[in-house]
């Protein structure tokens, strides 16, 4: 608290700066989508070549961040898709 009529101190940066790195995915989306069935409560976003957020059971409830996939087949093929 400060006394009325006295301005609070001015800071060049926020307290605790610089803070931590962002913990959520990039906002640079390439696409958004939902299931084909209107009854499905699942939505998703695409960015940087991967499935980013998955929203369930409501479009405002992100429950997954940066969903990665690993694909392998016999013969040695391996592909890892991630951010």
PDB file of N, CA and C in Angstrom:
ATOM      1  N   UNK A   1       0.845  -1.178   0.000  1.00  0.00           N
ATOM      2  CA  UNK A   1       0.000   0.000   0.000  1.00  0.00           C
ATOM      3  C   UNK A   1       0.884   1.233   0.000  1.00  0.00           C
ATOM      4  N   UNK A   2       0.349   2.306  -0.480  1.00  0.00           N
ATOM      5  CA  UNK A   2       1.064   3.571  -0.441  1.00  0.00           C
ATOM      6  C   UNK A   2       0.118   4.656   0.052  1.00  0.00           C
ATOM      7  N   UNK A   3       0.699   5.711   0.531  1.00  0.00           N
ATOM      8  CA  UNK A   3      -0.101   6.811   1.067  1.00  0.00           C
ATOM      9  C   UNK A   3      -0.776   7.559  -0.064  1.00  0.00           C
ATOM     10  N   UNK A   4      -2.019   8.045   0.173  1.00  0.00           N
ATOM     11  CA  UNK A   4      -2.694   8.845  -0.847  1.00  0.00           C
ATOM     12  C   UNK A   4      -1.849  10.056  -1.220  1.00  0.00           C
ATOM     13  N   UNK A   5      -1.775  10.341  -2.507  1.00  0.00           N
ATOM     14  CA  UNK A   5      -1.016  11.495  -2.970  1.00  0.00           C
ATOM     15  C   UNK A   5       0.445  11.204  -3.238  1.00  0.00           C
ATOM     16  N   UNK A   6       0.920  10.005  -2.880  1.00  0.00           N
ATOM     17  CA  UNK A   6       2.317   9.642  -3.132  1.00  0.00           C
ATOM     18  C   UNK A   6       2.322   8.535  -4.187  1.00  0.00           C
ATOM     19  N   UNK A   7       2.994   8.797  -5.290  1.00  0.00           N
ATOM     20  CA  UNK A   7       3.039   7.828  -6.383  1.00  0.00           C
ATOM     21  C   UNK A   7       3.870   6.615  -5.985  1.00  0.00           C
ATOM     22  N   UNK A   8       3.445   5.418  -6.390  1.00  0.00           N
ATOM     23  CA  UNK A   8       4.251   4.224  -6.121  1.00  0.00           C
ATOM     24  C   UNK A   8       5.558   4.298  -6.906  1.00  0.00           C
ATOM     25  N   UNK A   9       6.581   3.565  -6.476  1.00  0.00           N
ATOM     26  CA  UNK A   9       7.860   3.607  -7.190  1.00  0.00           C
ATOM     27  C   UNK A   9       7.715   3.085  -8.621  1.00  0.00           C
ATOM     28  N   UNK A  10       8.498   3.629  -9.524  1.00  0.00           N
ATOM     29  CA  UNK A  10       8.485   3.210 -10.924  1.00  0.00           C
ATOM     30  C   UNK A  10       9.610   2.206 -11.138  1.00  0.00           C
ATOM     31  N   UNK A  11       9.273   1.082 -11.778  1.00  0.00           N
ATOM     32  CA  UNK A  11      10.259   0.026 -12.049  1.00  0.00           C
ATOM     33  C   UNK A  11      10.493  -0.053 -13.552  1.00  0.00           C
ATOM     34  N   UNK A  12      11.722  -0.361 -13.945  1.00  0.00           N
ATOM     35  CA  UNK A  12      12.034  -0.529 -15.363  1.00  0.00           C
ATOM     36  C   UNK A  12      11.546  -1.866 -15.909  1.00  0.00           C
ATOM     37  N   UNK A  13      11.369  -2.846 -15.041  1.00  0.00           N
ATOM     38  CA  UNK A  13      10.893  -4.158 -15.471  1.00  0.00           C
ATOM     39  C   UNK A  13       9.996  -4.737 -14.387  1.00  0.00           C
ATOM     40  N   UNK A  14       9.281  -5.777 -14.747  1.00  0.00           N
ATOM     41  CA  UNK A  14       8.373  -6.418 -13.806  1.00  0.00           C
ATOM     42  C   UNK A  14       9.161  -7.082 -12.688  1.00  0.00           C
ATOM     43  N   UNK A  15       8.598  -7.135 -11.482  1.00  0.00           N
ATOM     44  CA  UNK A  15       9.275  -7.831 -10.384  1.00  0.00           C
ATOM     45  C   UNK A  15       9.557  -9.280 -10.772  1.00  0.00           C
ATOM     46  N   UNK A  16      10.730  -9.763 -10.485  1.00  0.00           N
ATOM     47  CA  UNK A  16      11.107 -11.133 -10.813  1.00  0.00           C
ATOM     48  C   UNK A  16      11.547 -11.327 -12.250  1.00  0.00           C
ATOM     49  N   UNK A  17      11.674 -10.243 -13.006  1.00  0.00           N
ATOM     50  CA  UNK A  17      12.043 -10.335 -14.423  1.00  0.00           C
ATOM     51  C   UNK A  17      13.386 -11.031 -14.573  1.00  0.00           C
ATOM     52  N   UNK A  18      13.650 -11.767 -15.601  1.00  0.00           N
ATOM     53  CA  UNK A  18      12.846 -11.880 -16.802  1.00  0.00           C
ATOM     54  C   UNK A  18      11.768 -12.945 -16.716  1.00  0.00           C
ATOM     55  N   UNK A  19      11.654 -13.668 -15.640  1.00  0.00           N
ATOM     56  CA  UNK A  19      10.633 -14.707 -15.524  1.00  0.00           C
ATOM     57  C   UNK A  19      11.083 -15.997 -16.174  1.00  0.00           C
ATOM     58  N   UNK A  20      10.141 -16.902 -16.349  1.00  0.00           N
ATOM     59  CA  UNK A  20      10.458 -18.206 -16.946  1.00  0.00           C
ATOM     60  C   UNK A  20       9.978 -18.243 -18.396  1.00  0.00           C
ATOM     61  N   UNK A  21      10.499 -19.182 -19.170  1.00  0.00           N
ATOM     62  CA  UNK A  21      10.056 -19.351 -20.552  1.00  0.00           C
ATOM     63  C   UNK A  21       8.588 -19.761 -20.588  1.00  0.00           C
ATOM     64  N   UNK A  22       7.921 -19.435 -21.676  1.00  0.00           N
ATOM     65  CA  UNK A  22       6.515 -19.804 -21.847  1.00  0.00           C
ATOM     66  C   UNK A  22       6.360 -21.318 -21.744  1.00  0.00           C
ATOM     67  N   UNK A  23       5.304 -21.758 -21.096  1.00  0.00           N
ATOM     68  CA  UNK A  23       5.080 -23.189 -20.904  1.00  0.00           C
ATOM     69  C   UNK A  23       4.003 -23.736 -21.826  1.00  0.00           C
ATOM     70  N   UNK A  24       3.373 -22.893 -22.605  1.00  0.00           N
ATOM     71  CA  UNK A  24       2.330 -23.359 -23.504  1.00  0.00           C
ATOM     72  C   UNK A  24       2.858 -23.336 -24.920  1.00  0.00           C
ATOM     73  N   UNK A  25       2.152 -23.883 -25.830  1.00  0.00           N
ATOM     74  CA  UNK A  25       2.588 -24.008 -27.209  1.00  0.00           C
ATOM     75  C   UNK A  25       2.496 -22.682 -27.964  1.00  0.00           C
ATOM     76  N   UNK A  26       3.075 -22.636 -29.124  1.00  0.00           N
ATOM     77  CA  UNK A  26       3.079 -21.437 -29.955  1.00  0.00           C
ATOM     78  C   UNK A  26       1.660 -21.050 -30.374  1.00  0.00           C
ATOM     79  N   UNK A  27       1.440 -19.760 -30.530  1.00  0.00           N
ATOM     80  CA  UNK A  27       0.126 -19.296 -31.000  1.00  0.00           C
ATOM     81  C   UNK A  27       0.063 -19.266 -32.527  1.00  0.00           C
ATOM     82  N   UNK A  28       1.142 -19.611 -33.209  1.00  0.00           N
ATOM     83  CA  UNK A  28       1.182 -19.618 -34.682  1.00  0.00           C
ATOM     84  C   UNK A  28       0.536 -20.898 -35.196  1.00  0.00           C
ATOM     85  N   UNK A  29      -0.777 -20.900 -35.318  1.00  0.00           N
ATOM     86  CA  UNK A  29      -1.523 -22.096 -35.714  1.00  0.00           C
ATOM     87  C   UNK A  29      -1.637 -22.207 -37.231  1.00  0.00           C
ATOM     88  N   UNK A  30      -1.576 -23.451 -37.721  1.00  0.00           N
ATOM     89  CA  UNK A  30      -1.800 -23.736 -39.132  1.00  0.00           C
ATOM     90  C   UNK A  30      -3.215 -24.221 -39.383  1.00  0.00           C
ATOM     91  N   UNK A  31      -3.878 -24.703 -38.342  1.00  0.00           N
ATOM     92  CA  UNK A  31      -5.227 -25.206 -38.527  1.00  0.00           C
ATOM     93  C   UNK A  31      -5.912 -25.515 -37.218  1.00  0.00           C
ATOM     94  N   UNK A  32      -7.221 -25.588 -37.277  1.00  0.00           N
ATOM     95  CA  UNK A  32      -8.050 -26.004 -36.147  1.00  0.00           C
ATOM     96  C   UNK A  32      -9.060 -27.007 -36.681  1.00  0.00           C
ATOM     97  N   UNK A  33      -9.544 -27.879 -35.816  1.00  0.00           N
ATOM     98  CA  UNK A  33     -10.502 -28.857 -36.292  1.00  0.00           C
ATOM     99  C   UNK A  33     -11.293 -29.487 -35.175  1.00  0.00           C
ATOM    100  N   UNK A  34     -12.236 -30.309 -35.576  1.00  0.00           N
ATOM    101  CA  UNK A  34     -13.060 -31.066 -34.647  1.00  0.00           C
ATOM    102  C   UNK A  34     -13.403 -32.399 -35.306  1.00  0.00           C
ATOM    103  N   UNK A  35     -14.045 -33.266 -34.568  1.00  0.00           N
ATOM    104  CA  UNK A  35     -14.450 -34.566 -35.107  1.00  0.00           C
ATOM    105  C   UNK A  35     -15.571 -34.391 -36.125  1.00  0.00           C
ATOM    106  N   UNK A  36     -15.753 -35.373 -36.988  1.00  0.00           N
ATOM    107  CA  UNK A  36     -16.814 -35.309 -37.992  1.00  0.00           C
ATOM    108  C   UNK A  36     -18.203 -35.362 -37.366  1.00  0.00           C
ATOM    109  N   UNK A  37     -18.325 -36.056 -36.253  1.00  0.00           N
ATOM    110  CA  UNK A  37     -19.614 -36.175 -35.582  1.00  0.00           C
ATOM    111  C   UNK A  37     -19.909 -34.921 -34.767  1.00  0.00           C
ATOM    112  N   UNK A  38     -21.082 -34.348 -34.955  1.00  0.00           N
ATOM    113  CA  UNK A  38     -21.474 -33.162 -34.189  1.00  0.00           C
ATOM    114  C   UNK A  38     -21.605 -33.484 -32.705  1.00  0.00           C
ATOM    115  N   UNK A  39     -21.756 -34.759 -32.366  1.00  0.00           N
ATOM    116  CA  UNK A  39     -21.897 -35.163 -30.968  1.00  0.00           C
ATOM    117  C   UNK A  39     -20.552 -35.246 -30.245  1.00  0.00           C
ATOM    118  N   UNK A  40     -19.441 -35.208 -30.972  1.00  0.00           N
ATOM    119  CA  UNK A  40     -18.118 -35.350 -30.360  1.00  0.00           C
ATOM    120  C   UNK A  40     -17.664 -34.053 -29.703  1.00  0.00           C
ATOM    121  N   UNK A  41     -17.281 -34.106 -28.420  1.00  0.00           N
ATOM    122  CA  UNK A  41     -16.817 -32.908 -27.718  1.00  0.00           C
ATOM    123  C   UNK A  41     -15.297 -32.732 -27.788  1.00  0.00           C
ATOM    124  N   UNK A  42     -14.686 -32.990 -28.952  1.00  0.00           N
ATOM    125  CA  UNK A  42     -13.232 -32.890 -29.097  1.00  0.00           C
ATOM    126  C   UNK A  42     -12.886 -31.872 -30.184  1.00  0.00           C
ATOM    127  N   UNK A  43     -11.952 -30.965 -29.875  1.00  0.00           N
ATOM    128  CA  UNK A  43     -11.433 -29.986 -30.828  1.00  0.00           C
ATOM    129  C   UNK A  43      -9.918 -30.042 -30.747  1.00  0.00           C
ATOM    130  N   UNK A  44      -9.209 -29.558 -31.779  1.00  0.00           N
ATOM    131  CA  UNK A  44      -7.748 -29.604 -31.768  1.00  0.00           C
ATOM    132  C   UNK A  44      -7.177 -28.468 -32.603  1.00  0.00           C
ATOM    133  N   UNK A  45      -5.878 -28.191 -32.395  1.00  0.00           N
ATOM    134  CA  UNK A  45      -5.164 -27.210 -33.209  1.00  0.00           C
ATOM    135  C   UNK A  45      -3.922 -27.866 -33.794  1.00  0.00           C
ATOM    136  N   UNK A  46      -3.464 -27.348 -34.942  1.00  0.00           N
ATOM    137  CA  UNK A  46      -2.269 -27.839 -35.630  1.00  0.00           C
ATOM    138  C   UNK A  46      -1.282 -26.693 -35.775  1.00  0.00           C
ATOM    139  N   UNK A  47      -0.002 -26.980 -35.528  1.00  0.00           N
ATOM    140  CA  UNK A  47       1.031 -25.956 -35.665  1.00  0.00           C
ATOM    141  C   UNK A  47       2.388 -26.624 -35.796  1.00  0.00           C
ATOM    142  N   UNK A  48       3.251 -26.072 -36.638  1.00  0.00           N
ATOM    143  CA  UNK A  48       4.622 -26.577 -36.810  1.00  0.00           C
ATOM    144  C   UNK A  48       4.646 -28.059 -37.186  1.00  0.00           C
ATOM    145  N   UNK A  49       3.622 -28.518 -37.915  1.00  0.00           N
ATOM    146  CA  UNK A  49       3.595 -29.892 -38.388  1.00  0.00           C
ATOM    147  C   UNK A  49       3.113 -30.922 -37.396  1.00  0.00           C
ATOM    148  N   UNK A  50       2.622 -30.505 -36.237  1.00  0.00           N
ATOM    149  CA  UNK A  50       2.138 -31.469 -35.249  1.00  0.00           C
ATOM    150  C   UNK A  50       0.785 -31.055 -34.699  1.00  0.00           C
ATOM    151  N   UNK A  51       0.144 -32.002 -34.037  1.00  0.00           N
ATOM    152  CA  UNK A  51      -1.081 -31.743 -33.303  1.00  0.00           C
ATOM    153  C   UNK A  51      -0.687 -31.023 -32.017  1.00  0.00           C
ATOM    154  N   UNK A  52      -1.217 -29.826 -31.804  1.00  0.00           N
ATOM    155  CA  UNK A  52      -0.891 -29.066 -30.591  1.00  0.00           C
ATOM    156  C   UNK A  52      -1.924 -29.350 -29.513  1.00  0.00           C
ATOM    157  N   UNK A  53      -2.684 -28.345 -29.189  1.00  0.00           N
ATOM    158  CA  UNK A  53      -3.659 -28.517 -28.117  1.00  0.00           C
ATOM    159  C   UNK A  53      -4.814 -29.411 -28.551  1.00  0.00           C
ATOM    160  N   UNK A  54      -5.298 -30.179 -27.587  1.00  0.00           N
ATOM    161  CA  UNK A  54      -6.529 -30.943 -27.753  1.00  0.00           C
ATOM    162  C   UNK A  54      -7.470 -30.429 -26.677  1.00  0.00           C
ATOM    163  N   UNK A  55      -8.682 -30.092 -27.093  1.00  0.00           N
ATOM    164  CA  UNK A  55      -9.668 -29.524 -26.171  1.00  0.00           C
ATOM    165  C   UNK A  55     -10.770 -30.539 -25.924  1.00  0.00           C
ATOM    166  N   UNK A  56     -11.044 -30.815 -24.653  1.00  0.00           N
ATOM    167  CA  UNK A  56     -12.076 -31.773 -24.265  1.00  0.00           C
ATOM    168  C   UNK A  56     -12.431 -31.530 -22.812  1.00  0.00           C
ATOM    169  N   UNK A  57     -13.609 -31.541 -22.378  1.00  0.00           N
ATOM    170  CA  UNK A  57     -14.864 -31.773 -23.086  1.00  0.00           C
ATOM    171  C   UNK A  57     -15.488 -30.499 -23.664  1.00  0.00           C
ATOM    172  N   UNK A  58     -14.821 -29.343 -23.467  1.00  0.00           N
ATOM    173  CA  UNK A  58     -15.334 -28.082 -24.025  1.00  0.00           C
ATOM    174  C   UNK A  58     -14.229 -27.419 -24.826  1.00  0.00           C
ATOM    175  N   UNK A  59     -14.603 -26.563 -25.766  1.00  0.00           N
ATOM    176  CA  UNK A  59     -13.640 -25.886 -26.632  1.00  0.00           C
ATOM    177  C   UNK A  59     -12.759 -24.909 -25.847  1.00  0.00           C
ATOM    178  N   UNK A  60     -13.134 -24.561 -24.626  1.00  0.00           N
ATOM    179  CA  UNK A  60     -12.320 -23.659 -23.807  1.00  0.00           C
ATOM    180  C   UNK A  60     -11.504 -24.406 -22.758  1.00  0.00           C
ATOM    181  N   UNK A  61     -11.409 -25.735 -22.871  1.00  0.00           N
ATOM    182  CA  UNK A  61     -10.704 -26.567 -21.897  1.00  0.00           C
ATOM    183  C   UNK A  61      -9.580 -27.347 -22.558  1.00  0.00           C
ATOM    184  N   UNK A  62      -8.407 -26.729 -22.698  1.00  0.00           N
ATOM    185  CA  UNK A  62      -7.271 -27.454 -23.291  1.00  0.00           C
ATOM    186  C   UNK A  62      -6.801 -28.520 -22.309  1.00  0.00           C
ATOM    187  N   UNK A  63      -6.713 -29.759 -22.763  1.00  0.00           N
ATOM    188  CA  UNK A  63      -6.282 -30.835 -21.868  1.00  0.00           C
ATOM    189  C   UNK A  63      -4.980 -31.487 -22.323  1.00  0.00           C
ATOM    190  N   UNK A  64      -4.457 -31.107 -23.486  1.00  0.00           N
ATOM    191  CA  UNK A  64      -3.196 -31.657 -23.985  1.00  0.00           C
ATOM    192  C   UNK A  64      -2.400 -30.554 -24.657  1.00  0.00           C
ATOM    193  N   UNK A  65      -1.094 -30.594 -24.475  1.00  0.00           N
ATOM    194  CA  UNK A  65      -0.198 -29.624 -25.115  1.00  0.00           C
ATOM    195  C   UNK A  65       0.880 -30.394 -25.871  1.00  0.00           C
ATOM    196  N   UNK A  66       1.051 -30.101 -27.144  1.00  0.00           N
ATOM    197  CA  UNK A  66       2.096 -30.705 -27.975  1.00  0.00           C
ATOM    198  C   UNK A  66       2.074 -32.227 -27.947  1.00  0.00           C
ATOM    199  N   UNK A  67       1.134 -32.773 -28.643  1.00  0.00           N
ATOM    200  CA  UNK A  67       0.943 -34.210 -28.770  1.00  0.00           C
ATOM    201  C   UNK A  67       1.936 -34.752 -29.791  1.00  0.00           C
ATOM    202  N   UNK A  68       2.879 -35.584 -29.370  1.00  0.00           N
ATOM    203  CA  UNK A  68       3.877 -36.143 -30.278  1.00  0.00           C
ATOM    204  C   UNK A  68       3.495 -37.543 -30.734  1.00  0.00           C
ATOM    205  N   UNK A  69       4.006 -37.938 -31.892  1.00  0.00           N
ATOM    206  CA  UNK A  69       3.741 -39.270 -32.437  1.00  0.00           C
ATOM    207  C   UNK A  69       5.055 -39.956 -32.786  1.00  0.00           C
ATOM    208  N   UNK A  70       5.123 -41.251 -32.531  1.00  0.00           N
ATOM    209  CA  UNK A  70       6.258 -42.066 -32.950  1.00  0.00           C
ATOM    210  C   UNK A  70       5.696 -43.169 -33.842  1.00  0.00           C
ATOM    211  N   UNK A  71       6.237 -43.283 -35.057  1.00  0.00           N
ATOM    212  CA  UNK A  71       5.770 -44.281 -36.018  1.00  0.00           C
ATOM    213  C   UNK A  71       6.938 -45.207 -36.344  1.00  0.00           C
ATOM    214  N   UNK A  72       6.717 -46.508 -36.193  1.00  0.00           N
ATOM    215  CA  UNK A  72       7.741 -47.495 -36.560  1.00  0.00           C
ATOM    216  C   UNK A  72       7.082 -48.624 -37.346  1.00  0.00           C
ATOM    217  N   UNK A  73       7.859 -49.251 -38.193  1.00  0.00           N
ATOM    218  CA  UNK A  73       7.405 -50.448 -38.912  1.00  0.00           C
ATOM    219  C   UNK A  73       8.571 -51.425 -38.971  1.00  0.00           C
ATOM    220  N   UNK A  74       8.249 -52.675 -39.239  1.00  0.00           N
ATOM    221  CA  UNK A  74       9.326 -53.657 -39.363  1.00  0.00           C
ATOM    222  C   UNK A  74      10.233 -53.252 -40.518  1.00  0.00           C
ATOM    223  N   UNK A  75      11.484 -53.532 -40.396  1.00  0.00           N
ATOM    224  CA  UNK A  75      12.447 -53.131 -41.415  1.00  0.00           C
ATOM    225  C   UNK A  75      13.237 -51.905 -40.997  1.00  0.00           C
ATOM    226  N   UNK A  76      12.912 -51.356 -39.819  1.00  0.00           N
ATOM    227  CA  UNK A  76      13.726 -50.278 -39.281  1.00  0.00           C
ATOM    228  C   UNK A  76      13.222 -48.863 -39.471  1.00  0.00           C
ATOM    229  N   UNK A  77      12.070 -48.670 -40.126  1.00  0.00           N
ATOM    230  CA  UNK A  77      11.577 -47.297 -40.304  1.00  0.00           C
ATOM    231  C   UNK A  77      11.192 -46.704 -38.955  1.00  0.00           C
ATOM    232  N   UNK A  78      11.614 -45.470 -38.719  1.00  0.00           N
ATOM    233  CA  UNK A  78      11.302 -44.767 -37.472  1.00  0.00           C
ATOM    234  C   UNK A  78      11.070 -43.296 -37.793  1.00  0.00           C
ATOM    235  N   UNK A  79       9.991 -42.746 -37.298  1.00  0.00           N
ATOM    236  CA  UNK A  79       9.713 -41.324 -37.477  1.00  0.00           C
ATOM    237  C   UNK A  79       9.130 -40.777 -36.186  1.00  0.00           C
ATOM    238  N   UNK A  80       9.738 -39.717 -35.686  1.00  0.00           N
ATOM    239  CA  UNK A  80       9.228 -39.068 -34.474  1.00  0.00           C
ATOM    240  C   UNK A  80       8.758 -37.672 -34.849  1.00  0.00           C
ATOM    241  N   UNK A  81       7.485 -37.409 -34.631  1.00  0.00           N
ATOM    242  CA  UNK A  81       6.901 -36.108 -34.940  1.00  0.00           C
ATOM    243  C   UNK A  81       6.665 -35.370 -33.633  1.00  0.00           C
ATOM    244  N   UNK A  82       7.390 -34.291 -33.452  1.00  0.00           N
ATOM    245  CA  UNK A  82       7.221 -33.488 -32.239  1.00  0.00           C
ATOM    246  C   UNK A  82       7.655 -32.068 -32.516  1.00  0.00           C
ATOM    247  N   UNK A  83       7.347 -31.196 -31.589  1.00  0.00           N
ATOM    248  CA  UNK A  83       7.700 -29.785 -31.737  1.00  0.00           C
ATOM    249  C   UNK A  83       9.183 -29.606 -31.641  1.00  0.00           C
TER     250      UNK A  83
END
